C-alpha atoms as a PDB file:
ATOM      1  CA  MET A   1       0.000   0.000   0.000  1.00  0.00           C
ATOM      2  CA  GLN A   2       2.858   2.345   0.791  1.00  0.00           C
ATOM      3  CA  SER A   3       4.367   1.898  -2.706  1.00  0.00           C
ATOM      4  CA  ARG A   4       1.091   3.028  -4.322  1.00  0.00           C
ATOM      5  CA  SER A   5       1.167   6.332  -2.444  1.00  0.00           C
ATOM      6  CA  TRP A   6       4.721   6.820  -3.689  1.00  0.00           C
ATOM      7  CA  TYR A   7       3.520   6.319  -7.297  1.00  0.00           C
ATOM      8  CA  ARG A   8       0.664   8.760  -6.740  1.00  0.00           C
ATOM      9  CA  PHE A   9       3.132  11.306  -5.428  1.00  0.00           C
ATOM     10  CA  LEU A  10       5.322  10.834  -8.514  1.00  0.00           C
ATOM     11  CA  ALA A  11       2.305  11.020 -10.823  1.00  0.00           C
ATOM     12  CA  VAL A  12       1.445  14.455  -9.409  1.00  0.00           C
ATOM     13  CA  ALA A  13       4.928  15.831  -8.711  1.00  0.00           C
ATOM     14  CA  ALA A  14       6.661  14.842 -11.969  1.00  0.00           C
ATOM     15  CA  PRO A  15       4.331  16.738 -14.349  1.00  0.00           C
ATOM     16  CA  ALA A  16       4.297  19.771 -12.051  1.00  0.00           C
ATOM     17  CA  THR A  17       8.105  19.779 -11.926  1.00  0.00           C
ATOM     18  CA  LEU A  18       8.337  19.383 -15.694  1.00  0.00           C
ATOM     19  CA  ILE A  19       5.938  22.274 -16.303  1.00  0.00           C
ATOM     20  CA  GLY A  20       7.882  24.465 -13.889  1.00  0.00           C
ATOM     21  CA  ALA A  21      11.182  23.603 -15.561  1.00  0.00           C
ATOM     22  CA  MET A  22       9.752  24.377 -19.002  1.00  0.00           C
ATOM     23  CA  ALA A  23       8.431  27.735 -17.782  1.00  0.00           C
ATOM     24  CA  ILE A  24      11.845  28.656 -16.362  1.00  0.00           C
ATOM     25  CA  ALA A  25      13.570  27.572 -19.597  1.00  0.00           C
ATOM     26  CA  ALA A  26      11.169  29.718 -21.642  1.00  0.00           C
ATOM     27  CA  LEU A  27      11.829  32.750 -19.457  1.00  0.00           C
ATOM     28  CA  VAL A  28      15.603  32.276 -19.573  1.00  0.00           C
ATOM     29  CA  GLY A  29      15.505  31.740 -23.342  1.00  0.00           C
ATOM     30  CA  ASP A  30      13.426  34.888 -23.836  1.00  0.00           C
ATOM     31  CA  ALA A  31      15.800  36.887 -21.644  1.00  0.00           C
ATOM     32  CA  THR A  32      18.779  35.534 -23.598  1.00  0.00           C
ATOM     33  CA  VAL A  33      17.266  36.578 -26.928  1.00  0.00           C
ATOM     34  CA  ARG A  34      16.436  40.023 -25.576  1.00  0.00           C
ATOM     35  CA  SER A  35      19.887  40.529 -24.091  1.00  0.00           C
ATOM     36  CA  ASP A  36      21.590  39.478 -27.350  1.00  0.00           C
ATOM     37  CA  SER A  37      20.307  42.577 -29.115  1.00  0.00           C
ATOM     38  CA  GLY A  38      21.585  44.846 -26.338  1.00  0.00           C
ATOM     39  CA  GLN A  39      19.471  47.723 -27.597  1.00  0.00           C
ATOM     40  CA  THR A  40      15.972  49.059 -27.108  1.00  0.00           C
ATOM     41  CA  ILE A  41      13.868  48.829 -30.233  1.00  0.00           C
ATOM     42  CA  GLU A  42      10.643  50.709 -30.850  1.00  0.00           C
ATOM     43  CA  ASP A  43       8.430  49.044 -33.440  1.00  0.00           C
ATOM     44  CA  SER A  44       5.599  50.685 -35.326  1.00  0.00           C
ATOM     45  CA  GLN A  45       3.459  49.650 -38.263  1.00  0.00           C
ATOM     46  CA  ASN A  46       3.893  51.703 -41.415  1.00  0.00           C
ATOM     47  CA  GLU A  47       1.174  52.308 -43.980  1.00  0.00           C
ATOM     48  CA  ALA A  48       2.595  49.694 -46.394  1.00  0.00           C
ATOM     49  CA  GLY A  49       1.952  46.937 -43.854  1.00  0.00           C
ATOM     50  CA  GLY A  50       5.617  46.616 -42.973  1.00  0.00           C
ATOM     51  CA  VAL A  51       7.383  47.090 -39.689  1.00  0.00           C
ATOM     52  CA  SER A  52       9.539  50.083 -38.905  1.00  0.00           C
ATOM     53  CA  ILE A  53      12.437  49.439 -36.549  1.00  0.00           C
ATOM     54  CA  ASN A  54      13.900  52.627 -35.058  1.00  0.00           C
ATOM     55  CA  ARG A  55      17.567  52.483 -34.102  1.00  0.00           C
ATOM     56  CA  PRO A  56      18.827  55.943 -33.127  1.00  0.00           C
ATOM     57  CA  GLU A  57      22.512  54.958 -33.313  1.00  0.00           C
ATOM     58  CA  PHE A  58      22.175  54.323 -37.074  1.00  0.00           C
ATOM     59  CA  SER A  59      19.938  57.240 -38.036  1.00  0.00           C
ATOM     60  CA  GLY A  60      21.854  59.549 -40.333  1.00  0.00           C
ATOM     61  CA  SER A  61      25.128  57.652 -40.030  1.00  0.00           C
ATOM     62  CA  LEU A  62      24.745  55.656 -43.259  1.00  0.00           C
ATOM     63  CA  PRO A  63      22.463  56.226 -46.242  1.00  0.00           C
ATOM     64  CA  THR A  64      19.450  53.933 -46.406  1.00  0.00           C
ATOM     65  CA  ARG A  65      18.339  52.066 -49.470  1.00  0.00           C
ATOM     66  CA  THR A  66      15.841  49.379 -50.371  1.00  0.00           C
ATOM     67  CA  PHE A  67      16.816  45.738 -50.909  1.00  0.00           C
ATOM     68  CA  GLY A  68      14.705  42.890 -52.268  1.00  0.00           C
ATOM     69  CA  GLY A  69      15.065  39.202 -51.560  1.00  0.00           C
ATOM     70  CA  VAL A  70      14.077  36.324 -49.298  1.00  0.00           C
ATOM     71  CA  ILE A  71      14.784  36.360 -45.564  1.00  0.00           C
ATOM     72  CA  THR A  72      16.445  33.107 -44.584  1.00  0.00           C
ATOM     73  CA  ASP A  73      19.386  32.011 -42.420  1.00  0.00           C
ATOM     74  CA  ASP A  74      23.105  31.713 -43.092  1.00  0.00           C
ATOM     75  CA  HIS A  75      23.120  27.988 -42.274  1.00  0.00           C
ATOM     76  CA  CYS A  76      20.648  26.817 -44.926  1.00  0.00           C
ATOM     77  CA  ALA A  77      20.676  29.955 -47.118  1.00  0.00           C
ATOM     78  CA  ALA A  78      18.467  29.287 -50.143  1.00  0.00           C
ATOM     79  CA  ARG A  79      18.615  25.481 -49.807  1.00  0.00           C
ATOM     80  CA  HIS A  80      16.481  24.297 -46.912  1.00  0.00           C
ATOM     81  CA  ASP A  81      16.220  20.563 -46.266  1.00  0.00           C
ATOM     82  CA  MET A  82      12.761  19.742 -47.566  1.00  0.00           C
ATOM     83  CA  ASN A  83      12.982  16.267 -46.003  1.00  0.00           C
ATOM     84  CA  SER A  84      12.912  17.822 -42.522  1.00  0.00           C
ATOM     85  CA  GLY A  85       9.135  18.196 -42.646  1.00  0.00           C
ATOM     86  CA  MET A  86       9.433  21.943 -41.978  1.00  0.00           C
ATOM     87  CA  GLY A  87       8.574  24.775 -44.290  1.00  0.00           C
ATOM     88  CA  THR A  88      11.113  27.430 -45.235  1.00  0.00           C
ATOM     89  CA  SER A  89       9.922  29.876 -42.595  1.00  0.00           C
ATOM     90  CA  GLU A  90       9.948  27.340 -39.762  1.00  0.00           C
ATOM     91  CA  CYS A  91      13.336  25.940 -40.820  1.00  0.00           C
ATOM     92  CA  THR A  92      14.802  29.455 -40.828  1.00  0.00           C
ATOM     93  CA  ARG A  93      13.510  30.207 -37.328  1.00  0.00           C
ATOM     94  CA  VAL A  94      14.819  26.861 -36.013  1.00  0.00           C
ATOM     95  CA  CYS A  95      18.276  27.474 -37.527  1.00  0.00           C
ATOM     96  CA  VAL A  96      18.395  30.982 -36.031  1.00  0.00           C
ATOM     97  CA  HIS A  97      17.340  29.595 -32.663  1.00  0.00           C
ATOM     98  CA  ARG A  98      20.290  27.177 -32.944  1.00  0.00           C
ATOM     99  CA  GLY A  99      22.758  30.028 -33.595  1.00  0.00           C
ATOM    100  CA  ALA A 100      22.500  30.922 -37.281  1.00  0.00           C
ATOM    101  CA  ASN A 101      21.962  34.537 -38.383  1.00  0.00           C
ATOM    102  CA  TYR A 102      19.176  35.995 -40.489  1.00  0.00           C
ATOM    103  CA  VAL A 103      20.272  36.837 -44.024  1.00  0.00           C
ATOM    104  CA  LEU A 104      18.660  38.344 -47.080  1.00  0.00           C
ATOM    105  CA  VAL A 105      19.276  36.249 -50.195  1.00  0.00           C
ATOM    106  CA  ASP A 106      18.852  37.910 -53.583  1.00  0.00           C
ATOM    107  CA  GLY A 107      20.077  35.633 -56.357  1.00  0.00           C
ATOM    108  CA  ASP A 108      23.757  34.974 -55.681  1.00  0.00           C
ATOM    109  CA  LYS A 109      24.044  37.865 -53.183  1.00  0.00           C
ATOM    110  CA  SER A 110      23.611  37.365 -49.461  1.00  0.00           C
ATOM    111  CA  TYR A 111      23.504  40.056 -46.747  1.00  0.00           C
ATOM    112  CA  ARG A 112      23.558  39.477 -42.991  1.00  0.00           C
ATOM    113  CA  LEU A 113      20.585  41.200 -41.379  1.00  0.00           C
ATOM    114  CA  GLU A 114      20.778  43.106 -38.129  1.00  0.00           C
ATOM    115  CA  GLY A 115      17.611  44.225 -36.429  1.00  0.00           C
ATOM    116  CA  ASN A 116      14.738  42.972 -34.349  1.00  0.00           C
ATOM    117  CA  ALA A 117      14.986  39.164 -34.482  1.00  0.00           C
ATOM    118  CA  THR A 118      11.275  38.779 -33.717  1.00  0.00           C
ATOM    119  CA  GLU A 119      10.274  40.907 -36.690  1.00  0.00           C
ATOM    120  CA  LEU A 120      12.796  39.221 -38.973  1.00  0.00           C
ATOM    121  CA  GLY A 121      11.338  35.872 -37.867  1.00  0.00           C
ATOM    122  CA  ILE A 122       7.832  36.961 -38.831  1.00  0.00           C
ATOM    123  CA  PHE A 123       8.991  37.604 -42.401  1.00  0.00           C
ATOM    124  CA  SER A 124      11.361  34.607 -42.612  1.00  0.00           C
ATOM    125  CA  GLY A 125      10.951  32.455 -45.683  1.00  0.00           C
ATOM    126  CA  THR A 126       9.149  35.193 -47.607  1.00  0.00           C
ATOM    127  CA  ARG A 127      10.185  37.599 -50.346  1.00  0.00           C
ATOM    128  CA  VAL A 128      10.428  41.089 -48.907  1.00  0.00           C
ATOM    129  CA  ALA A 129      11.448  44.637 -49.694  1.00  0.00           C
ATOM    130  CA  LEU A 130      13.428  45.955 -46.778  1.00  0.00           C
ATOM    131  CA  THR A 131      14.969  49.320 -46.145  1.00  0.00           C
ATOM    132  CA  GLY A 132      18.197  49.681 -44.270  1.00  0.00           C
ATOM    133  CA  SER A 133      21.774  50.851 -44.118  1.00  0.00           C
ATOM    134  CA  LEU A 134      24.435  48.731 -45.798  1.00  0.00           C
ATOM    135  CA  ALA A 135      27.833  48.478 -44.104  1.00  0.00           C
ATOM    136  CA  GLY A 136      30.079  45.900 -45.737  1.00  0.00           C
ATOM    137  CA  ASN A 137      27.958  42.768 -46.065  1.00  0.00           C
ATOM    138  CA  ARG A 138      25.533  43.704 -43.271  1.00  0.00           C
ATOM    139  CA  ILE A 139      22.228  45.505 -43.480  1.00  0.00           C
ATOM    140  CA  GLN A 140      20.885  47.357 -40.444  1.00  0.00           C
ATOM    141  CA  VAL A 141      17.159  46.908 -41.110  1.00  0.00           C
ATOM    142  CA  SER A 142      14.897  49.912 -40.562  1.00  0.00           C
ATOM    143  CA  SER A 143      11.693  48.618 -42.199  1.00  0.00           C
ATOM    144  CA  ILE A 144      10.337  45.453 -43.784  1.00  0.00           C
ATOM    145  CA  ALA A 145       7.381  44.984 -46.129  1.00  0.00           C
ATOM    146  CA  LEU A 146       6.138  42.070 -48.218  1.00  0.00           C
ATOM    147  CA  GLU A 147       7.242  42.386 -51.826  1.00  0.00           C
END
């Protein structure tokens, strides 16, 4: 009889512990993503349905221009593993979660994207027109809209 009460205790305690551990992991993961950017970002919708990302440290420092292409990651680039069972957008977000960077692929050109990772994730796997400042091979994204 005593062993049954032990099993009942485990049946109640194990799921509660697992849920608590998952909640803590989600909070730590969210805090890690937020701390990686190191900057405060103010988002606002523009009239074209895109997202404007204000970064004061880049305003006026470099000229902005518009780029077209598909937002993906630098691990898979334009060739996602279709046997994974994930779509392009989901595969991109998973690769970024595992440490890859968002990139804009336009034909044979590829640019590393810097900006709000959440907003880049929303548009991942889709063809976009984004506005930003180009420095070397990196684009500091200021706005994104579907192309």
